[in-house]
Amino acid sequence: MHPGRSSLRGLLLALFLVGPLGWHLPAQAEPPLPLDLDDSRSALSIGEELEKNGRWLDAIQHYDRSLERWPDDEDLKYGRRRARVHFRVERRYADRSFRDSLLSMSRNQALDLFDETTIRIRASFVESLSHLSIVAHGTESLYIAMANPRFLEANLPPARSEADRDARKEAVKNFRRLLRDQYWNRPVASDQQARNLIAEISRLASQSLRMSETAVVMEYVFGGCNALDDYSGFLTADRFSDLKSNIDGEFVGLGVEMKEESGKGMLLVNILPESPASGGGLRKGDRIVSIDGVDVRNRSIDEAASMMRGPVGSRVSLRIARETGTEEWDTTLTRRPVLVRSIPDARIIDQGAGIAYLKLTSFQTSTAQELDDALNRLQLDGMKALIIDLRGNPGGLLNAAVEVLDRFIDQGVLVSTRGRTSDQNLVYRAQDPGAINVPLVILTDGDSASASEIVAGAIKDHRRGTLVGRKTFGKWSVQSIFNVGSDTGLRLTTAKFYSPNGHTLGRIGVEPDVPVELVKEHSVAFRGASRRNAEPSAASDADIDEGIAVLKRQLRR
């Protein structure tokens, strides 16, 4: 489906895995937490200490790992919920478009946005949700936000004295108690009742705390989406624009992939070719330590990404620390459109056997044309068998996955979707009787998700090729993107998808035909950086080696 239309199907919630501007969330780092805890109370204590120090991502990871051992512990479950809400609050308030656009709305405009969001959720989300569920999650988000220092700093008037500070703490405490005692799960049965309740709460916050009513309503707009699954949520203008750029494979920026390293700055894990960063001499392993004169060593990745955004032709000044740590230098780069290829690498890797390798990092609007161009080149170079690398590929457009499959499967069902509404019940069939018929290996791992799993599932069911590597992520749901408000969006899970044999493997994933044990060095090399344009080293890659062996056996037969 074309991204200019109101719905885009088959998108992974990339903001949780890799940011749409190519930067990496620090959640990918291994948390320094003990694995040998004796009881769930000790685990809870560690999680609460992480929360106390504002280490929300570490807390989320810790609770996730703890719940693997104690899956029924309600305190650990709520700790994870609480840490997630705090993390989302801080991301919102680091988002320039949220601060400049949404917080500048009037209360009634914000309530109108809540109404529009709720109506769309109730009409389109894959599961039926009540008004009560949406509003109750908004109340919970507001309750937790009012214990978040960043939220309070942004929305309460500054304290003029110690006594004023103490009075403010007491007023916040009383308001949170009011939310808990009088508004938690207050019955709501209609759009108008929901609007009236939120308006009442926002007035009380204004009267007792001099808090912006719009800020209160926004916790219901965003917090109400916490009632949805992990792949759904409200998109600010910047996030909405980023997502569309990701789908198109082109964004305005510098062309860097980076991740946060607290106290050190933003580590560049990849530099996109033919980008301003590449032309400016930036290298993988460099660190950005200041942006336009503002030190970012202790800033969040969201803040740094926001500071690096800007229109085409605008300039940004960076201070760079070379990976040796002894050299720093300044550079000024001009933002411009950067093309992100979904197939950064396609070549013959075994000349004698004619085995080709193709890295597919995402499924976007340009993927089918890129694939056709790559396959034509490889056939001219003598391709007799092919390895398609889907490791680290978080997904993308469902239609792009279908177009990829159509190049290799000449008949039958490729994938089907089933949702609450009839327009989500679709069957996609092979359309190209001239599909390429060479032996095929698909490489997968735990980061192969969404559209990658559509391809892996169809190849497996049709016995068209051999899956090599590790089990896929297990995201078998379809998201649609809707415009709400003037320039904001809503990403909703609207259906589940099914393999040709009728399997849906959410939280399960596709098992490889030939399992390969994960090598730590390989994991470090590929995690993140290879999601876009980094090239693999075939010399030390166990998955590729196994894929070559599989194809050589088939070619001999």
Protein backbone atom coordinates (compact mmCIF):
# COMPACT_ATOMS: atom_id res chain seq x y z
CA MET A 1 0.00 0.00 0.00
CA HIS A 2 1.40 3.39 -0.93
CA PRO A 3 2.53 5.53 2.05
CA GLY A 4 0.49 8.47 0.81
CA ARG A 5 -2.72 6.63 1.68
CA SER A 6 -4.27 6.61 5.12
CA SER A 7 -3.13 3.10 6.07
CA LEU A 8 0.25 1.38 5.84
CA ARG A 9 0.19 -2.32 6.63
CA GLY A 10 2.88 -4.62 7.96
CA LEU A 11 5.06 -2.26 9.99
CA LEU A 12 7.14 -3.36 12.93
CA LEU A 13 7.15 -0.91 16.00
CA ALA A 14 10.60 0.02 15.02
CA LEU A 15 10.94 2.73 17.81
CA PHE A 16 11.41 -0.14 20.26
CA LEU A 17 14.14 -1.82 18.17
CA VAL A 18 15.86 0.76 16.02
CA GLY A 19 14.92 4.41 15.76
CA PRO A 20 13.51 5.68 12.45
CA LEU A 21 16.39 8.13 12.01
CA GLY A 22 18.87 5.31 12.29
CA TRP A 23 19.82 5.84 15.92
CA HIS A 24 19.80 3.03 18.44
CA LEU A 25 17.99 2.93 21.72
CA PRO A 26 20.33 2.24 24.62
CA ALA A 27 18.15 -0.73 25.58
CA GLN A 28 20.37 -2.83 23.33
CA ALA A 29 23.24 -2.66 25.82
CA GLU A 30 23.52 -5.53 28.28
CA PRO A 31 22.32 -4.26 31.68
CA PRO A 32 24.79 -4.68 34.54
CA LEU A 33 22.38 -6.71 36.66
CA PRO A 34 22.88 -9.96 38.59
CA LEU A 35 21.41 -13.14 37.15
CA ASP A 36 21.63 -15.32 40.27
CA LEU A 37 18.95 -13.77 42.48
CA ASP A 38 17.45 -16.10 45.07
CA ASP A 39 13.93 -14.70 45.27
CA SER A 40 11.55 -12.30 43.57
CA ARG A 41 11.70 -9.82 46.51
CA SER A 42 15.39 -9.25 45.86
CA ALA A 43 14.61 -8.75 42.17
CA LEU A 44 11.89 -6.24 43.04
CA SER A 45 14.26 -4.34 45.32
CA ILE A 46 16.85 -4.00 42.54
CA GLY A 47 14.20 -2.83 40.07
CA GLU A 48 12.89 -0.20 42.47
CA GLU A 49 16.43 1.08 43.07
CA LEU A 50 16.95 1.45 39.33
CA GLU A 51 13.69 3.38 39.10
CA LYS A 52 14.70 5.59 42.02
CA ASN A 53 17.82 6.57 40.06
CA GLY A 54 15.83 7.24 36.89
CA ARG A 55 17.40 4.33 35.00
CA TRP A 56 14.14 3.42 33.30
CA LEU A 57 15.53 1.25 30.50
CA ASP A 58 17.74 -0.72 32.86
CA ALA A 59 14.69 -1.15 35.10
CA ILE A 60 12.56 -2.40 32.21
CA GLN A 61 15.23 -4.90 31.20
CA HIS A 62 15.66 -6.04 34.78
CA TYR A 63 11.92 -6.59 35.24
CA ASP A 64 11.73 -8.45 31.91
CA ARG A 65 14.51 -10.81 32.95
CA SER A 66 13.07 -11.23 36.44
CA LEU A 67 9.64 -12.11 35.03
CA GLU A 68 11.22 -14.89 33.00
CA ARG A 69 12.01 -16.55 36.35
CA TRP A 70 8.90 -15.41 38.27
CA PRO A 71 6.26 -14.93 35.54
CA ASP A 72 3.30 -14.68 37.93
CA ASP A 73 4.74 -12.08 40.32
CA GLU A 74 2.30 -9.16 40.26
CA ASP A 75 4.72 -6.72 41.91
CA LEU A 76 7.31 -7.34 39.22
CA LYS A 77 4.66 -6.92 36.52
CA TYR A 78 3.56 -3.59 37.93
CA GLY A 79 7.18 -2.48 38.34
CA ARG A 80 7.69 -3.10 34.64
CA ARG A 81 4.51 -1.18 33.79
CA ARG A 82 5.59 1.71 35.97
CA ALA A 83 9.09 1.85 34.45
CA ARG A 84 7.63 1.76 30.94
CA VAL A 85 5.31 4.67 31.67
CA HIS A 86 8.18 6.71 33.11
CA PHE A 87 10.32 5.93 30.07
CA ARG A 88 7.54 6.99 27.70
CA VAL A 89 6.92 10.21 29.64
CA GLU A 90 10.59 11.16 29.40
CA ARG A 91 10.68 10.35 25.68
CA ARG A 92 7.69 12.62 25.12
CA TYR A 93 9.25 15.52 26.95
CA ALA A 94 12.51 15.08 25.01
CA ASP A 95 10.51 15.29 21.76
CA ARG A 96 10.63 18.78 20.31
CA SER A 97 7.42 18.37 18.32
CA PHE A 98 5.57 17.28 21.46
CA ARG A 99 6.76 20.30 23.41
CA ASP A 100 6.34 22.85 20.63
CA SER A 101 3.11 21.62 19.05
CA LEU A 102 1.02 19.41 21.31
CA LEU A 103 1.71 21.19 24.60
CA SER A 104 0.88 24.51 22.97
CA MET A 105 -2.70 23.39 22.24
CA SER A 106 -5.61 24.71 24.22
CA ARG A 107 -7.33 22.30 26.59
CA ASN A 108 -10.30 21.92 24.24
CA GLN A 109 -8.03 21.22 21.27
CA ALA A 110 -6.28 18.54 23.32
CA LEU A 111 -9.64 17.04 24.29
CA ASP A 112 -10.65 17.00 20.62
CA LEU A 113 -7.44 15.10 19.86
CA PHE A 114 -8.26 12.60 22.62
CA ASP A 115 -11.76 12.12 21.17
CA GLU A 116 -10.38 11.52 17.66
CA THR A 117 -7.78 9.08 18.97
CA THR A 118 -10.29 7.12 21.03
CA ILE A 119 -12.76 6.84 18.17
CA ARG A 120 -10.05 5.49 15.85
CA ILE A 121 -8.81 2.98 18.45
CA ARG A 122 -12.29 1.64 19.13
CA ALA A 123 -13.01 1.34 15.41
CA SER A 124 -9.77 -0.20 14.19
CA PHE A 125 -7.70 -1.89 16.91
CA VAL A 126 -7.53 -5.66 16.51
CA GLU A 127 -9.22 -6.21 19.88
CA SER A 128 -12.37 -4.52 21.17
CA LEU A 129 -11.59 -1.96 23.90
CA SER A 130 -13.98 -0.14 26.22
CA HIS A 131 -13.96 3.56 27.03
CA LEU A 132 -13.16 2.58 30.60
CA SER A 133 -9.97 0.73 29.63
CA ILE A 134 -8.61 3.66 27.60
CA VAL A 135 -9.44 6.27 30.24
CA ALA A 136 -8.16 4.12 33.12
CA HIS A 137 -4.79 3.72 31.41
CA GLY A 138 -4.68 7.49 30.94
CA THR A 139 -5.35 8.00 34.65
CA GLU A 140 -2.57 5.56 35.48
CA SER A 141 -0.19 7.41 33.14
CA LEU A 142 -1.02 10.74 34.79
CA TYR A 143 -0.63 9.23 38.28
CA ILE A 144 2.83 7.85 37.43
CA ALA A 145 3.88 10.99 35.51
CA MET A 146 3.22 13.05 38.62
CA ALA A 147 6.07 11.15 40.29
CA ASN A 148 8.40 11.83 37.36
CA PRO A 149 10.85 14.72 37.95
CA ARG A 150 10.97 15.72 34.29
CA PHE A 151 7.19 15.91 34.01
CA LEU A 152 6.90 17.97 37.19
CA GLU A 153 9.72 20.30 36.19
CA ALA A 154 8.06 20.96 32.83
CA ASN A 155 4.54 21.49 34.14
CA LEU A 156 4.69 22.99 37.63
CA PRO A 157 5.66 26.61 38.39
CA PRO A 158 9.16 26.87 39.90
CA ALA A 159 9.42 26.84 43.68
CA ARG A 160 10.55 30.20 45.08
CA SER A 161 11.64 28.91 48.49
CA GLU A 162 12.15 25.76 50.51
CA ALA A 163 8.71 26.21 52.06
CA ASP A 164 7.21 26.61 48.60
CA ARG A 165 8.95 23.42 47.49
CA ASP A 166 7.62 21.48 50.48
CA ALA A 167 4.09 22.80 49.87
CA ARG A 168 4.28 21.77 46.24
CA LYS A 169 5.38 18.23 47.17
CA GLU A 170 2.44 17.94 49.53
CA ALA A 171 0.02 19.25 46.89
CA VAL A 172 1.31 16.71 44.34
CA LYS A 173 0.99 13.94 46.91
CA ASN A 174 -2.60 14.95 47.67
CA PHE A 175 -3.51 15.13 43.99
CA ARG A 176 -2.09 11.66 43.34
CA ARG A 177 -4.11 10.35 46.28
CA LEU A 178 -7.21 11.97 44.79
CA LEU A 179 -6.58 10.27 41.45
CA ARG A 180 -6.15 6.92 43.14
CA ASP A 181 -9.10 7.16 45.53
CA GLN A 182 -11.75 8.89 43.40
CA TYR A 183 -10.86 8.49 39.72
CA TRP A 184 -9.12 5.12 39.39
CA ASN A 185 -11.39 2.96 37.18
CA ARG A 186 -14.23 5.50 37.43
CA PRO A 187 -17.04 4.11 35.22
CA VAL A 188 -17.03 5.60 31.70
CA ALA A 189 -19.47 4.41 29.05
CA SER A 190 -19.35 6.97 26.21
CA ASP A 191 -17.13 9.45 24.41
CA GLN A 192 -18.85 12.36 26.14
CA GLN A 193 -18.44 10.83 29.61
CA ALA A 194 -14.74 10.25 28.91
CA ARG A 195 -14.28 13.84 27.76
CA ASN A 196 -16.13 15.23 30.78
CA LEU A 197 -14.10 13.16 33.23
CA ILE A 198 -10.76 14.20 31.74
CA ALA A 199 -11.85 17.85 31.65
CA GLU A 200 -12.79 17.60 35.33
CA ILE A 201 -9.41 16.13 36.28
CA SER A 202 -7.52 18.75 34.27
CA ARG A 203 -9.44 21.56 36.00
CA LEU A 204 -8.59 20.11 39.41
CA ALA A 205 -4.91 19.90 38.46
CA SER A 206 -4.98 23.52 37.35
CA GLN A 207 -6.73 24.70 40.52
CA SER A 208 -4.66 22.76 43.03
CA LEU A 209 -1.26 22.74 41.32
CA ARG A 210 -1.39 25.51 38.70
CA MET A 211 -0.57 22.80 36.18
CA SER A 212 -1.27 23.15 32.47
CA GLU A 213 -4.60 21.49 31.68
CA THR A 214 -3.26 20.56 28.24
CA ALA A 215 -0.39 18.61 29.81
CA VAL A 216 -2.94 16.63 31.84
CA VAL A 217 -5.05 15.84 28.79
CA MET A 218 -1.95 14.72 26.87
CA GLU A 219 -1.34 12.01 29.45
CA TYR A 220 -4.76 10.64 28.48
CA VAL A 221 -3.97 10.90 24.75
CA PHE A 222 -0.68 9.03 25.10
CA GLY A 223 -1.40 7.06 28.26
CA GLY A 224 -4.70 5.76 26.88
CA CYS A 225 -2.62 4.00 24.20
CA ASN A 226 -0.97 1.98 26.98
CA ALA A 227 -4.15 -0.11 26.84
CA LEU A 228 -2.97 -1.32 23.42
CA ASP A 229 -0.22 -3.82 22.57
CA ASP A 230 3.49 -3.08 22.38
CA TYR A 231 3.33 -2.35 18.65
CA SER A 232 0.69 0.38 18.85
CA GLY A 233 0.85 3.96 20.04
CA PHE A 234 0.38 7.66 19.39
CA LEU A 235 2.96 9.34 17.13
CA THR A 236 4.08 12.94 17.58
CA ALA A 237 4.69 14.97 14.42
CA ASP A 238 8.41 14.16 14.44
CA ARG A 239 7.85 10.45 15.08
CA PHE A 240 5.16 10.34 12.38
CA SER A 241 7.48 12.03 9.90
CA ASP A 242 10.32 9.67 10.87
CA LEU A 243 8.14 6.64 10.28
CA LYS A 244 7.09 7.81 6.82
CA SER A 245 10.73 8.51 5.98
CA ASN A 246 11.64 5.00 7.12
CA ILE A 247 9.00 3.55 4.82
CA ASP A 248 10.18 5.64 1.87
CA GLY A 249 13.84 4.85 2.59
CA GLU A 250 14.74 8.54 2.52
CA PHE A 251 15.06 11.04 5.34
CA VAL A 252 16.50 14.48 5.89
CA GLY A 253 19.50 14.36 8.19
CA LEU A 254 23.19 13.57 8.49
CA GLY A 255 23.19 9.83 7.78
CA VAL A 256 24.43 8.40 11.06
CA GLU A 257 23.36 5.49 13.22
CA MET A 258 24.14 6.12 16.85
CA LYS A 259 23.51 4.86 20.34
CA GLU A 260 23.69 6.55 23.70
CA GLU A 261 26.68 5.95 25.97
CA SER A 262 26.10 7.74 29.24
CA GLY A 263 28.91 10.14 30.12
CA LYS A 264 30.63 9.66 26.75
CA GLY A 265 28.20 11.01 24.17
CA MET A 266 26.52 9.43 21.15
CA LEU A 267 28.51 6.51 19.71
CA LEU A 268 28.35 6.30 15.91
CA VAL A 269 27.73 2.64 15.08
CA ASN A 270 27.38 3.21 11.34
CA ILE A 271 27.79 5.94 8.74
CA LEU A 272 25.49 5.73 5.73
CA PRO A 273 27.26 5.99 2.37
CA GLU A 274 26.88 9.17 0.32
CA SER A 275 25.63 11.07 3.37
CA PRO A 276 26.67 14.41 4.90
CA ALA A 277 28.36 12.50 7.74
CA SER A 278 30.34 10.36 5.30
CA GLY A 279 31.38 13.40 3.29
CA GLY A 280 32.34 15.22 6.48
CA GLY A 281 34.84 12.59 7.55
CA LEU A 282 32.87 10.99 10.41
CA ARG A 283 33.75 7.37 11.07
CA LYS A 284 32.20 4.41 12.80
CA GLY A 285 33.37 4.48 16.42
CA ASP A 286 33.44 8.27 16.68
CA ARG A 287 31.39 9.93 19.42
CA ILE A 288 29.34 13.10 19.16
CA VAL A 289 30.04 15.03 22.35
CA SER A 290 28.29 18.33 21.57
CA ILE A 291 25.65 19.57 19.13
CA ASP A 292 25.51 23.28 18.28
CA GLY A 293 27.60 24.00 21.35
CA VAL A 294 25.45 21.96 23.75
CA ASP A 295 27.28 19.16 25.56
CA VAL A 296 25.41 15.86 24.99
CA ARG A 297 27.63 13.50 26.98
CA ASN A 298 24.88 13.08 29.56
CA ARG A 299 21.86 13.72 27.32
CA SER A 300 19.40 11.07 26.24
CA ILE A 301 19.40 9.76 22.70
CA ASP A 302 15.99 11.35 22.13
CA GLU A 303 17.33 14.76 23.10
CA ALA A 304 20.37 14.36 20.85
CA ALA A 305 18.23 13.15 17.93
CA SER A 306 15.87 16.10 18.39
CA MET A 307 18.79 18.55 18.35
CA MET A 308 20.11 17.01 15.14
CA ARG A 309 16.81 17.37 13.29
CA GLY A 310 16.27 20.26 10.93
CA PRO A 311 15.09 21.28 7.45
CA VAL A 312 16.90 20.62 4.20
CA GLY A 313 19.83 23.00 3.79
CA SER A 314 20.15 23.89 7.46
CA ARG A 315 23.50 23.41 9.20
CA VAL A 316 24.49 21.73 12.45
CA SER A 317 27.79 22.03 14.31
CA LEU A 318 29.19 18.92 15.96
CA ARG A 319 32.14 18.26 18.22
CA ILE A 320 33.51 14.79 17.57
CA ALA A 321 35.69 12.62 19.81
CA ARG A 322 37.75 10.11 17.87
CA GLU A 323 37.50 6.52 19.13
CA THR A 324 41.00 6.71 20.62
CA GLY A 325 39.63 9.24 23.13
CA THR A 326 42.59 11.56 22.70
CA GLU A 327 41.45 13.60 19.71
CA GLU A 328 38.49 15.99 19.45
CA TRP A 329 37.56 18.13 16.50
CA ASP A 330 34.72 20.30 15.23
CA THR A 331 32.78 20.02 12.02
CA THR A 332 29.72 21.67 10.51
CA LEU A 333 27.43 19.56 8.32
CA THR A 334 24.49 20.51 6.10
CA ARG A 335 21.30 18.49 6.43
CA ARG A 336 19.96 17.02 3.21
CA PRO A 337 17.95 14.02 1.99
CA VAL A 338 19.77 10.74 2.58
CA LEU A 339 18.82 7.60 0.71
CA VAL A 340 18.68 4.46 2.86
CA ARG A 341 18.94 1.34 0.74
CA SER A 342 17.12 -1.79 1.82
CA ILE A 343 19.69 -3.91 -0.07
CA PRO A 344 23.13 -2.47 0.73
CA ASP A 345 25.08 -5.56 -0.30
CA ALA A 346 24.62 -8.05 -3.16
CA ARG A 347 27.58 -10.02 -4.54
CA ILE A 348 28.95 -13.43 -5.46
CA ILE A 349 30.71 -14.83 -2.38
CA ASP A 350 31.72 -18.24 -3.79
CA GLN A 351 32.87 -17.86 -7.37
CA GLY A 352 33.49 -21.55 -7.94
CA ALA A 353 29.99 -22.64 -6.93
CA GLY A 354 28.24 -19.48 -8.15
CA ILE A 355 26.75 -18.76 -4.71
CA ALA A 356 25.48 -15.20 -4.26
CA TYR A 357 24.80 -13.25 -1.08
CA LEU A 358 22.15 -10.55 -0.65
CA LYS A 359 21.64 -8.51 2.53
CA LEU A 360 18.06 -7.23 2.98
CA THR A 361 17.84 -4.79 5.90
CA SER A 362 14.23 -3.56 5.66
CA PHE A 363 11.07 -3.76 3.56
CA GLN A 364 10.29 -0.33 2.13
CA THR A 365 8.75 1.16 -1.00
CA SER A 366 11.99 0.78 -3.00
CA THR A 367 12.72 -2.83 -2.00
CA ALA A 368 11.18 -4.60 -5.04
CA GLN A 369 13.07 -2.42 -7.53
CA GLU A 370 16.29 -2.77 -5.56
CA LEU A 371 15.81 -6.54 -5.53
CA ASP A 372 15.20 -6.72 -9.28
CA ASP A 373 18.33 -4.67 -9.95
CA ALA A 374 20.41 -6.83 -7.60
CA LEU A 375 19.13 -10.12 -9.04
CA ASN A 376 19.84 -8.96 -12.60
CA ARG A 377 23.44 -8.11 -11.65
CA LEU A 378 23.93 -11.39 -9.81
CA GLN A 379 22.57 -13.43 -12.72
CA LEU A 380 24.98 -11.69 -15.08
CA ASP A 381 27.77 -12.53 -12.64
CA GLY A 382 26.88 -16.25 -12.78
CA MET A 383 24.57 -16.78 -9.80
CA LYS A 384 23.56 -20.43 -9.39
CA ALA A 385 22.31 -20.25 -5.77
CA LEU A 386 21.44 -17.45 -3.39
CA ILE A 387 21.69 -16.58 0.32
CA ILE A 388 19.25 -13.88 1.49
CA ASP A 389 20.29 -12.40 4.83
CA LEU A 390 17.33 -11.27 6.96
CA ARG A 391 19.24 -11.13 10.24
CA GLY A 392 18.53 -7.96 12.16
CA ASN A 393 15.78 -6.98 9.70
CA PRO A 394 12.92 -5.52 11.82
CA GLY A 395 10.36 -5.61 9.01
CA GLY A 396 8.53 -2.89 7.13
CA LEU A 397 5.77 -2.93 4.54
CA LEU A 398 3.69 -6.08 4.12
CA ASN A 399 3.32 -5.40 0.39
CA ALA A 400 7.10 -5.19 0.03
CA ALA A 401 7.45 -8.63 1.65
CA VAL A 402 4.86 -10.03 -0.77
CA GLU A 403 6.75 -8.51 -3.72
CA VAL A 404 9.98 -10.15 -2.53
CA LEU A 405 8.28 -13.54 -2.23
CA ASP A 406 6.74 -13.15 -5.68
CA ARG A 407 10.27 -13.22 -7.14
CA PHE A 408 10.89 -16.73 -5.75
CA ILE A 409 7.49 -18.49 -5.42
CA ASP A 410 5.46 -18.87 -8.59
CA GLN A 411 2.09 -20.06 -7.27
CA GLY A 412 -0.07 -20.37 -4.18
CA VAL A 413 -0.76 -18.31 -1.07
CA LEU A 414 2.10 -16.18 0.22
CA VAL A 415 0.49 -14.74 3.35
CA SER A 416 -2.96 -13.88 4.68
CA THR A 417 -4.21 -11.42 7.28
CA ARG A 418 -7.21 -11.58 9.63
CA GLY A 419 -8.60 -8.73 11.70
CA ARG A 420 -11.77 -7.38 13.31
CA THR A 421 -12.94 -5.58 10.17
CA SER A 422 -13.52 -7.05 6.73
CA ASP A 423 -10.92 -4.83 5.03
CA GLN A 424 -8.23 -6.52 7.16
CA ASN A 425 -9.14 -10.04 5.97
CA LEU A 426 -6.91 -10.44 2.93
CA VAL A 427 -5.13 -13.23 1.05
CA TYR A 428 -1.98 -12.49 -0.98
CA ARG A 429 -1.14 -14.99 -3.73
CA ALA A 430 1.85 -15.41 -6.02
CA GLN A 431 1.44 -13.46 -9.26
CA ASP A 432 4.66 -14.14 -11.18
CA PRO A 433 4.89 -17.45 -13.05
CA GLY A 434 8.47 -16.54 -14.03
CA ALA A 435 9.89 -16.68 -10.48
CA ILE A 436 13.63 -17.27 -10.12
CA ASN A 437 14.29 -20.96 -9.52
CA VAL A 438 17.71 -21.20 -7.89
CA PRO A 439 18.52 -23.01 -4.62
CA LEU A 440 17.81 -20.60 -1.77
CA VAL A 441 18.96 -20.11 1.83
CA ILE A 442 17.37 -17.57 4.19
CA LEU A 443 19.43 -16.40 7.19
CA THR A 444 17.37 -15.43 10.25
CA ASP A 445 17.94 -14.52 13.89
CA GLY A 446 16.03 -13.22 16.89
CA ASP A 447 15.89 -9.72 15.38
CA SER A 448 14.25 -10.91 12.13
CA ALA A 449 10.71 -9.68 12.66
CA SER A 450 7.39 -8.79 11.05
CA ALA A 451 7.81 -8.66 7.25
CA SER A 452 10.99 -10.75 7.60
CA GLU A 453 8.87 -13.46 9.21
CA ILE A 454 6.36 -13.28 6.37
CA VAL A 455 9.18 -14.13 3.97
CA ALA A 456 10.69 -16.80 6.23
CA GLY A 457 7.30 -18.39 6.93
CA ALA A 458 6.33 -18.59 3.25
CA ILE A 459 9.70 -19.95 2.15
CA LYS A 460 9.44 -22.62 4.85
CA ASP A 461 5.81 -23.60 4.13
CA HIS A 462 6.39 -23.79 0.37
CA ARG A 463 9.66 -25.70 0.93
CA ARG A 464 11.21 -23.21 -1.43
CA GLY A 465 14.45 -22.84 0.51
CA THR A 466 16.33 -23.64 3.71
CA LEU A 467 16.19 -21.43 6.81
CA VAL A 468 19.57 -21.15 8.55
CA GLY A 469 20.41 -19.41 11.82
CA ARG A 470 18.14 -18.83 14.81
CA LYS A 471 14.45 -18.53 15.58
CA THR A 472 12.83 -15.27 14.46
CA PHE A 473 11.44 -12.58 16.77
CA GLY A 474 7.79 -13.69 16.84
CA LYS A 475 5.90 -10.57 15.75
CA TRP A 476 3.01 -11.83 13.65
CA SER A 477 0.76 -8.80 13.71
CA VAL A 478 -0.07 -6.12 11.16
CA GLN A 479 -0.02 -2.40 11.97
CA SER A 480 -1.88 0.32 10.11
CA ILE A 481 -0.93 4.00 10.31
CA PHE A 482 -3.65 6.64 10.61
CA ASN A 483 -3.56 10.42 10.54
CA VAL A 484 -5.07 11.96 13.67
CA GLY A 485 -4.93 15.66 14.37
CA SER A 486 -3.16 17.96 11.92
CA ASP A 487 0.28 16.34 11.67
CA THR A 488 0.26 13.52 14.23
CA GLY A 489 -0.48 9.84 13.76
CA LEU A 490 -1.65 6.66 15.37
CA ARG A 491 -0.08 3.25 14.81
CA LEU A 492 -2.53 0.43 15.55
CA THR A 493 -2.36 -3.32 15.35
CA THR A 494 -5.28 -4.10 13.07
CA ALA A 495 -4.74 -7.78 12.18
CA LYS A 496 -2.61 -10.87 12.59
CA PHE A 497 -0.86 -12.46 9.65
CA TYR A 498 -0.74 -16.15 8.79
CA SER A 499 1.74 -18.23 6.82
CA PRO A 500 0.59 -20.15 3.72
CA ASN A 501 -0.15 -23.21 5.90
CA GLY A 502 -2.27 -21.13 8.27
CA HIS A 503 0.24 -20.64 11.09
CA THR A 504 0.45 -17.44 13.15
CA LEU A 505 3.53 -17.49 15.35
CA GLY A 506 3.24 -14.45 17.57
CA ARG A 507 5.64 -14.77 20.56
CA ILE A 508 6.81 -18.04 19.00
CA GLY A 509 8.75 -17.20 15.84
CA VAL A 510 9.85 -19.29 12.86
CA GLU A 511 12.27 -22.09 13.67
CA PRO A 512 15.26 -22.49 11.31
CA ASP A 513 15.71 -25.72 9.37
CA VAL A 514 19.42 -25.63 10.20
CA PRO A 515 20.08 -24.08 13.64
CA VAL A 516 23.39 -22.28 14.12
CA GLU A 517 24.60 -21.40 17.59
CA LEU A 518 24.97 -17.65 18.12
CA VAL A 519 28.61 -16.58 18.20
CA LYS A 520 29.17 -13.59 20.50
CA GLU A 521 31.59 -11.85 18.15
CA HIS A 522 29.12 -12.22 15.31
CA SER A 523 26.34 -10.84 17.48
CA VAL A 524 28.35 -7.73 18.35
CA ALA A 525 29.27 -7.14 14.72
CA PHE A 526 25.76 -7.44 13.39
CA ARG A 527 23.48 -6.17 16.17
CA GLY A 528 22.32 -2.74 15.13
CA ALA A 529 25.01 -1.66 12.68
CA SER A 530 24.04 -4.25 10.10
CA ARG A 531 20.37 -3.33 10.29
CA ARG A 532 20.99 -0.75 7.65
CA ASN A 533 24.06 -0.62 5.49
CA ALA A 534 26.98 -2.36 7.21
CA GLU A 535 28.52 -5.19 5.19
CA PRO A 536 29.13 -8.60 6.78
CA SER A 537 32.45 -10.39 6.78
CA ALA A 538 31.88 -13.71 5.07
CA ALA A 539 35.26 -14.91 6.32
CA SER A 540 34.14 -15.32 9.94
CA ASP A 541 30.38 -15.67 9.71
CA ALA A 542 29.10 -19.07 10.89
CA ASP A 543 25.62 -18.51 9.40
CA ILE A 544 26.98 -17.70 5.96
CA ASP A 545 29.40 -20.63 6.15
CA GLU A 546 26.52 -22.99 6.96
CA GLY A 547 24.40 -21.45 4.19
CA ILE A 548 27.19 -22.03 1.66
CA ALA A 549 27.55 -25.64 2.81
CA VAL A 550 23.79 -26.23 2.45
CA LEU A 551 23.74 -24.77 -1.06
CA LYS A 552 26.81 -26.69 -2.20
CA ARG A 553 25.17 -29.95 -1.15
CA GLN A 554 22.04 -29.00 -3.10
CA LEU A 555 24.03 -27.99 -6.17
CA ARG A 556 25.91 -31.31 -6.13
CA ARG A 557 22.58 -33.14 -6.09
